[in-house]
Amino acid sequence: MTVTSTTTDLAAKFHQATAELKIQDVSRAKVAARFAHAAAPLGISVYLGTIANVGRNSSGGNQVQFDDPATNTGYVSEWPQWAFGLAEPALLGGKEVLLVANGDPFGVNLVDVLILA
């Protein structure tokens, strides 16, 4: 099974697990914890952080740096177009993002990207 098909399969399962998600306390920490609880049985991770930069490389790829303040780590990688389309407005709006990933929050591992208000 390819990385893409594995990620696509996990995305479908995660979306099914969160299709009707009720969150009692809507603080950032509680939202992230609730999504992490839904992700855990699938073996995927949830990250809460910010987009530090976005850009395009000379081959046309979409480069993004996601910063995870919980680990004081920045992750720079090429993101797929669907996710890059959310990273750019999150950066420009100064918003936090919640990432769901199959491993570290690199573009190839992304399952879901949410911009938080």
N, C-alpha and C. Protein backbone atom coordinates (compact mmCIF):
# COMPACT_ATOMS: atom_id res chain seq x y z
N MET A 1 0.85 -1.17 0.00
CA MET A 1 0.00 0.00 0.00
C MET A 1 0.90 1.24 0.00
N THR A 2 0.57 2.22 -0.81
CA THR A 2 1.39 3.43 -0.90
C THR A 2 1.07 4.36 0.26
N VAL A 3 1.98 5.33 0.49
CA VAL A 3 1.77 6.32 1.54
C VAL A 3 0.49 7.09 1.28
N THR A 4 0.26 7.45 0.01
CA THR A 4 -0.94 8.22 -0.35
C THR A 4 -2.21 7.43 -0.05
N SER A 5 -2.24 6.15 -0.42
CA SER A 5 -3.46 5.37 -0.18
C SER A 5 -3.66 5.13 1.31
N THR A 6 -2.56 4.95 2.06
CA THR A 6 -2.68 4.79 3.51
C THR A 6 -3.24 6.06 4.14
N THR A 7 -2.72 7.20 3.74
CA THR A 7 -3.20 8.48 4.28
C THR A 7 -4.64 8.72 3.89
N THR A 8 -5.01 8.40 2.66
CA THR A 8 -6.39 8.56 2.21
C THR A 8 -7.33 7.67 3.01
N ASP A 9 -6.92 6.43 3.27
CA ASP A 9 -7.72 5.51 4.07
C ASP A 9 -7.88 6.02 5.50
N LEU A 10 -6.78 6.50 6.09
CA LEU A 10 -6.84 7.05 7.45
C LEU A 10 -7.72 8.29 7.50
N ALA A 11 -7.63 9.12 6.46
CA ALA A 11 -8.46 10.33 6.41
C ALA A 11 -9.94 9.95 6.42
N ALA A 12 -10.31 8.97 5.64
CA ALA A 12 -11.71 8.54 5.59
C ALA A 12 -12.17 8.02 6.95
N LYS A 13 -11.32 7.23 7.60
CA LYS A 13 -11.68 6.69 8.92
C LYS A 13 -11.76 7.81 9.96
N PHE A 14 -10.82 8.77 9.90
CA PHE A 14 -10.84 9.88 10.85
C PHE A 14 -12.08 10.74 10.63
N HIS A 15 -12.42 11.01 9.39
CA HIS A 15 -13.61 11.83 9.11
C HIS A 15 -14.87 11.12 9.58
N GLN A 16 -14.90 9.80 9.43
CA GLN A 16 -16.05 9.04 9.94
C GLN A 16 -16.11 9.13 11.47
N ALA A 17 -14.96 9.05 12.13
CA ALA A 17 -14.92 9.10 13.60
C ALA A 17 -15.28 10.47 14.15
N THR A 18 -15.12 11.51 13.34
CA THR A 18 -15.39 12.88 13.80
C THR A 18 -16.57 13.53 13.09
N ALA A 19 -17.35 12.75 12.39
CA ALA A 19 -18.46 13.30 11.60
C ALA A 19 -19.48 14.03 12.49
N GLU A 20 -19.73 13.51 13.66
CA GLU A 20 -20.65 14.15 14.61
C GLU A 20 -19.97 14.15 15.96
N LEU A 21 -19.09 15.12 16.15
CA LEU A 21 -18.27 15.20 17.34
C LEU A 21 -18.82 16.29 18.25
N LYS A 22 -19.16 15.93 19.48
CA LYS A 22 -19.66 16.89 20.45
C LYS A 22 -18.55 17.22 21.42
N ILE A 23 -18.23 18.51 21.56
CA ILE A 23 -17.16 18.96 22.44
C ILE A 23 -17.78 19.83 23.52
N GLN A 24 -17.72 19.37 24.76
CA GLN A 24 -18.39 20.05 25.87
C GLN A 24 -17.73 21.38 26.23
N ASP A 25 -16.42 21.42 26.25
CA ASP A 25 -15.67 22.62 26.61
C ASP A 25 -14.85 23.01 25.38
N VAL A 26 -15.12 24.14 24.79
CA VAL A 26 -14.51 24.48 23.50
C VAL A 26 -13.20 25.26 23.63
N SER A 27 -12.50 25.11 24.74
CA SER A 27 -11.17 25.71 24.85
C SER A 27 -10.24 25.01 23.85
N ARG A 28 -9.17 25.69 23.45
CA ARG A 28 -8.22 25.12 22.49
C ARG A 28 -7.73 23.74 22.94
N ALA A 29 -7.35 23.65 24.21
CA ALA A 29 -6.81 22.39 24.73
C ALA A 29 -7.85 21.28 24.67
N LYS A 30 -9.08 21.58 25.00
CA LYS A 30 -10.15 20.56 24.98
C LYS A 30 -10.48 20.13 23.56
N VAL A 31 -10.48 21.07 22.62
CA VAL A 31 -10.74 20.73 21.22
C VAL A 31 -9.64 19.79 20.71
N ALA A 32 -8.40 20.16 20.96
CA ALA A 32 -7.28 19.32 20.52
C ALA A 32 -7.34 17.95 21.19
N ALA A 33 -7.67 17.92 22.48
CA ALA A 33 -7.76 16.65 23.20
C ALA A 33 -8.86 15.77 22.64
N ARG A 34 -9.99 16.37 22.29
CA ARG A 34 -11.12 15.59 21.75
C ARG A 34 -10.76 14.99 20.39
N PHE A 35 -10.11 15.79 19.55
CA PHE A 35 -9.67 15.28 18.25
C PHE A 35 -8.60 14.20 18.44
N ALA A 36 -7.70 14.40 19.39
CA ALA A 36 -6.66 13.40 19.67
C ALA A 36 -7.28 12.09 20.14
N HIS A 37 -8.33 12.19 20.95
CA HIS A 37 -9.04 11.00 21.42
C HIS A 37 -9.64 10.22 20.24
N ALA A 38 -10.20 10.95 19.28
CA ALA A 38 -10.77 10.31 18.08
C ALA A 38 -9.68 9.72 17.19
N ALA A 39 -8.51 10.36 17.17
CA ALA A 39 -7.41 9.93 16.30
C ALA A 39 -6.64 8.74 16.87
N ALA A 40 -6.57 8.62 18.18
CA ALA A 40 -5.72 7.62 18.84
C ALA A 40 -5.98 6.18 18.37
N PRO A 41 -7.23 5.73 18.27
CA PRO A 41 -7.44 4.34 17.84
C PRO A 41 -6.94 4.07 16.42
N LEU A 42 -6.79 5.13 15.63
CA LEU A 42 -6.31 4.98 14.25
C LEU A 42 -4.78 5.06 14.17
N GLY A 43 -4.14 5.37 15.30
CA GLY A 43 -2.70 5.47 15.32
C GLY A 43 -2.17 6.75 14.68
N ILE A 44 -3.01 7.79 14.63
CA ILE A 44 -2.59 9.06 14.05
C ILE A 44 -2.51 10.12 15.14
N SER A 45 -1.80 11.20 14.83
CA SER A 45 -1.51 12.23 15.83
C SER A 45 -2.19 13.55 15.52
N VAL A 46 -2.40 14.34 16.58
CA VAL A 46 -3.00 15.67 16.46
C VAL A 46 -1.99 16.69 16.98
N TYR A 47 -1.82 17.77 16.23
CA TYR A 47 -0.88 18.84 16.59
C TYR A 47 -1.62 20.16 16.59
N LEU A 48 -1.30 21.01 17.55
CA LEU A 48 -1.86 22.36 17.64
C LEU A 48 -0.70 23.33 17.57
N GLY A 49 -0.75 24.25 16.60
CA GLY A 49 0.36 25.19 16.45
C GLY A 49 0.05 26.28 15.45
N THR A 50 1.11 26.83 14.87
CA THR A 50 0.97 27.94 13.94
C THR A 50 1.76 27.68 12.66
N ILE A 51 1.38 28.38 11.63
CA ILE A 51 2.11 28.36 10.37
C ILE A 51 3.13 29.49 10.42
N ALA A 52 4.41 29.16 10.30
CA ALA A 52 5.47 30.16 10.38
C ALA A 52 5.75 30.81 9.03
N ASN A 53 5.65 30.01 7.96
CA ASN A 53 5.85 30.58 6.62
C ASN A 53 5.25 29.67 5.57
N VAL A 54 4.92 30.26 4.44
CA VAL A 54 4.44 29.52 3.28
C VAL A 54 5.17 30.07 2.06
N GLY A 55 5.33 29.25 1.06
CA GLY A 55 5.98 29.69 -0.16
C GLY A 55 5.91 28.62 -1.23
N ARG A 56 6.51 28.93 -2.35
CA ARG A 56 6.58 27.98 -3.45
C ARG A 56 8.05 27.80 -3.82
N ASN A 57 8.42 26.57 -4.13
CA ASN A 57 9.80 26.34 -4.56
C ASN A 57 9.89 26.41 -6.08
N SER A 58 11.10 26.34 -6.61
CA SER A 58 11.32 26.54 -8.04
C SER A 58 10.68 25.46 -8.90
N SER A 59 10.38 24.31 -8.32
CA SER A 59 9.70 23.26 -9.09
C SER A 59 8.18 23.35 -8.99
N GLY A 60 7.68 24.40 -8.32
CA GLY A 60 6.24 24.61 -8.23
C GLY A 60 5.59 24.02 -6.99
N GLY A 61 6.38 23.43 -6.10
CA GLY A 61 5.83 22.83 -4.89
C GLY A 61 5.44 23.88 -3.87
N ASN A 62 4.52 23.51 -2.99
CA ASN A 62 4.02 24.39 -1.94
C ASN A 62 4.73 24.08 -0.63
N GLN A 63 5.61 24.96 -0.19
CA GLN A 63 6.37 24.73 1.03
C GLN A 63 5.72 25.44 2.21
N VAL A 64 5.65 24.74 3.34
CA VAL A 64 5.03 25.28 4.56
C VAL A 64 5.91 24.92 5.76
N GLN A 65 6.00 25.86 6.70
CA GLN A 65 6.61 25.54 8.00
C GLN A 65 5.52 25.61 9.05
N PHE A 66 5.31 24.49 9.71
CA PHE A 66 4.38 24.39 10.84
C PHE A 66 5.21 24.37 12.12
N ASP A 67 4.88 25.23 13.07
CA ASP A 67 5.57 25.28 14.36
C ASP A 67 4.69 24.68 15.45
N ASP A 68 5.25 23.72 16.16
CA ASP A 68 4.56 23.05 17.26
C ASP A 68 5.14 23.58 18.58
N PRO A 69 4.41 24.48 19.27
CA PRO A 69 4.94 25.05 20.50
C PRO A 69 5.06 24.03 21.64
N ALA A 70 4.32 22.94 21.58
CA ALA A 70 4.40 21.93 22.64
C ALA A 70 5.78 21.27 22.68
N THR A 71 6.43 21.19 21.52
CA THR A 71 7.75 20.57 21.45
C THR A 71 8.83 21.56 21.00
N ASN A 72 8.41 22.81 20.78
CA ASN A 72 9.33 23.85 20.30
C ASN A 72 10.06 23.40 19.03
N THR A 73 9.27 22.83 18.10
CA THR A 73 9.83 22.27 16.87
C THR A 73 9.10 22.83 15.66
N GLY A 74 9.88 23.17 14.63
CA GLY A 74 9.31 23.57 13.35
C GLY A 74 9.45 22.44 12.35
N TYR A 75 8.43 22.22 11.56
CA TYR A 75 8.42 21.17 10.54
C TYR A 75 8.23 21.82 9.18
N VAL A 76 9.24 21.73 8.33
CA VAL A 76 9.18 22.33 6.99
C VAL A 76 9.07 21.21 5.97
N SER A 77 8.06 21.32 5.09
CA SER A 77 7.89 20.31 4.06
C SER A 77 6.99 20.85 2.96
N GLU A 78 6.89 20.08 1.90
CA GLU A 78 5.99 20.41 0.82
C GLU A 78 4.61 19.87 1.18
N TRP A 79 3.62 20.75 1.12
CA TRP A 79 2.25 20.35 1.47
C TRP A 79 1.43 20.15 0.20
N PRO A 80 0.47 19.22 0.23
CA PRO A 80 -0.43 19.06 -0.92
C PRO A 80 -1.29 20.32 -1.07
N GLN A 81 -1.77 20.53 -2.27
CA GLN A 81 -2.51 21.76 -2.58
C GLN A 81 -3.70 21.97 -1.65
N TRP A 82 -4.44 20.90 -1.33
CA TRP A 82 -5.63 21.05 -0.47
C TRP A 82 -5.26 21.62 0.90
N ALA A 83 -4.09 21.22 1.44
CA ALA A 83 -3.66 21.70 2.75
C ALA A 83 -2.99 23.07 2.65
N PHE A 84 -2.22 23.28 1.58
CA PHE A 84 -1.56 24.57 1.37
C PHE A 84 -2.60 25.69 1.27
N GLY A 85 -3.74 25.38 0.66
CA GLY A 85 -4.82 26.35 0.54
C GLY A 85 -5.37 26.82 1.88
N LEU A 86 -5.13 26.07 2.94
CA LEU A 86 -5.53 26.47 4.28
C LEU A 86 -4.38 27.10 5.06
N ALA A 87 -3.15 26.69 4.77
CA ALA A 87 -1.98 27.22 5.47
C ALA A 87 -1.79 28.71 5.20
N GLU A 88 -1.97 29.10 3.95
CA GLU A 88 -1.75 30.50 3.57
C GLU A 88 -2.67 31.47 4.32
N PRO A 89 -3.99 31.26 4.32
CA PRO A 89 -4.83 32.19 5.08
C PRO A 89 -4.62 32.10 6.60
N ALA A 90 -4.24 30.93 7.10
CA ALA A 90 -3.95 30.81 8.54
C ALA A 90 -2.75 31.68 8.90
N LEU A 91 -1.72 31.67 8.07
CA LEU A 91 -0.54 32.50 8.31
C LEU A 91 -0.91 33.97 8.24
N LEU A 92 -1.58 34.37 7.16
CA LEU A 92 -1.91 35.78 6.96
C LEU A 92 -2.88 36.30 8.01
N GLY A 93 -3.73 35.43 8.54
CA GLY A 93 -4.69 35.83 9.57
C GLY A 93 -4.17 35.66 10.98
N GLY A 94 -2.96 35.12 11.14
CA GLY A 94 -2.41 34.91 12.47
C GLY A 94 -3.18 33.89 13.29
N LYS A 95 -3.74 32.89 12.63
CA LYS A 95 -4.58 31.89 13.30
C LYS A 95 -3.79 30.64 13.67
N GLU A 96 -4.23 29.97 14.70
CA GLU A 96 -3.69 28.66 15.04
C GLU A 96 -4.32 27.62 14.12
N VAL A 97 -3.59 26.53 13.94
CA VAL A 97 -4.12 25.43 13.15
C VAL A 97 -4.04 24.14 13.96
N LEU A 98 -4.94 23.25 13.67
CA LEU A 98 -4.95 21.92 14.24
C LEU A 98 -4.67 20.97 13.08
N LEU A 99 -3.58 20.21 13.18
CA LEU A 99 -3.22 19.26 12.14
C LEU A 99 -3.43 17.85 12.64
N VAL A 100 -3.93 17.00 11.77
CA VAL A 100 -4.03 15.58 12.04
C VAL A 100 -3.11 14.92 11.03
N ALA A 101 -2.17 14.10 11.53
CA ALA A 101 -1.17 13.52 10.64
C ALA A 101 -0.85 12.08 11.01
N ASN A 102 -0.47 11.34 10.00
CA ASN A 102 -0.04 9.96 10.15
C ASN A 102 1.47 9.97 10.40
N GLY A 103 1.86 10.40 11.60
CA GLY A 103 3.27 10.57 11.94
C GLY A 103 3.55 12.04 12.20
N ASP A 104 4.79 12.47 11.93
CA ASP A 104 5.14 13.88 12.10
C ASP A 104 4.32 14.74 11.15
N PRO A 105 4.11 16.02 11.50
CA PRO A 105 3.24 16.88 10.68
C PRO A 105 3.92 17.41 9.41
N PHE A 106 4.38 16.49 8.58
CA PHE A 106 4.91 16.84 7.26
C PHE A 106 3.79 16.67 6.24
N GLY A 107 3.90 17.39 5.13
CA GLY A 107 2.84 17.40 4.12
C GLY A 107 2.36 16.03 3.68
N VAL A 108 3.28 15.12 3.46
CA VAL A 108 2.92 13.79 2.98
C VAL A 108 2.09 13.01 4.00
N ASN A 109 2.18 13.39 5.28
CA ASN A 109 1.47 12.68 6.35
C ASN A 109 0.13 13.29 6.72
N LEU A 110 -0.21 14.44 6.16
CA LEU A 110 -1.41 15.17 6.61
C LEU A 110 -2.68 14.42 6.28
N VAL A 111 -3.56 14.38 7.26
CA VAL A 111 -4.88 13.75 7.12
C VAL A 111 -5.96 14.83 7.14
N ASP A 112 -5.77 15.87 7.97
CA ASP A 112 -6.76 16.92 8.12
C ASP A 112 -6.05 18.19 8.59
N VAL A 113 -6.55 19.34 8.16
CA VAL A 113 -6.04 20.64 8.58
C VAL A 113 -7.24 21.52 8.92
N LEU A 114 -7.25 22.07 10.13
CA LEU A 114 -8.32 22.96 10.55
C LEU A 114 -7.72 24.30 10.98
N ILE A 115 -8.33 25.40 10.52
CA ILE A 115 -7.94 26.74 10.99
C ILE A 115 -8.84 27.05 12.17
N LEU A 116 -8.26 27.46 13.28
CA LEU A 116 -9.02 27.76 14.49
C LEU A 116 -9.28 29.26 14.60
N ALA A 117 -10.47 29.60 15.09
CA ALA A 117 -10.86 31.01 15.22
C ALA A 117 -10.08 31.69 16.32
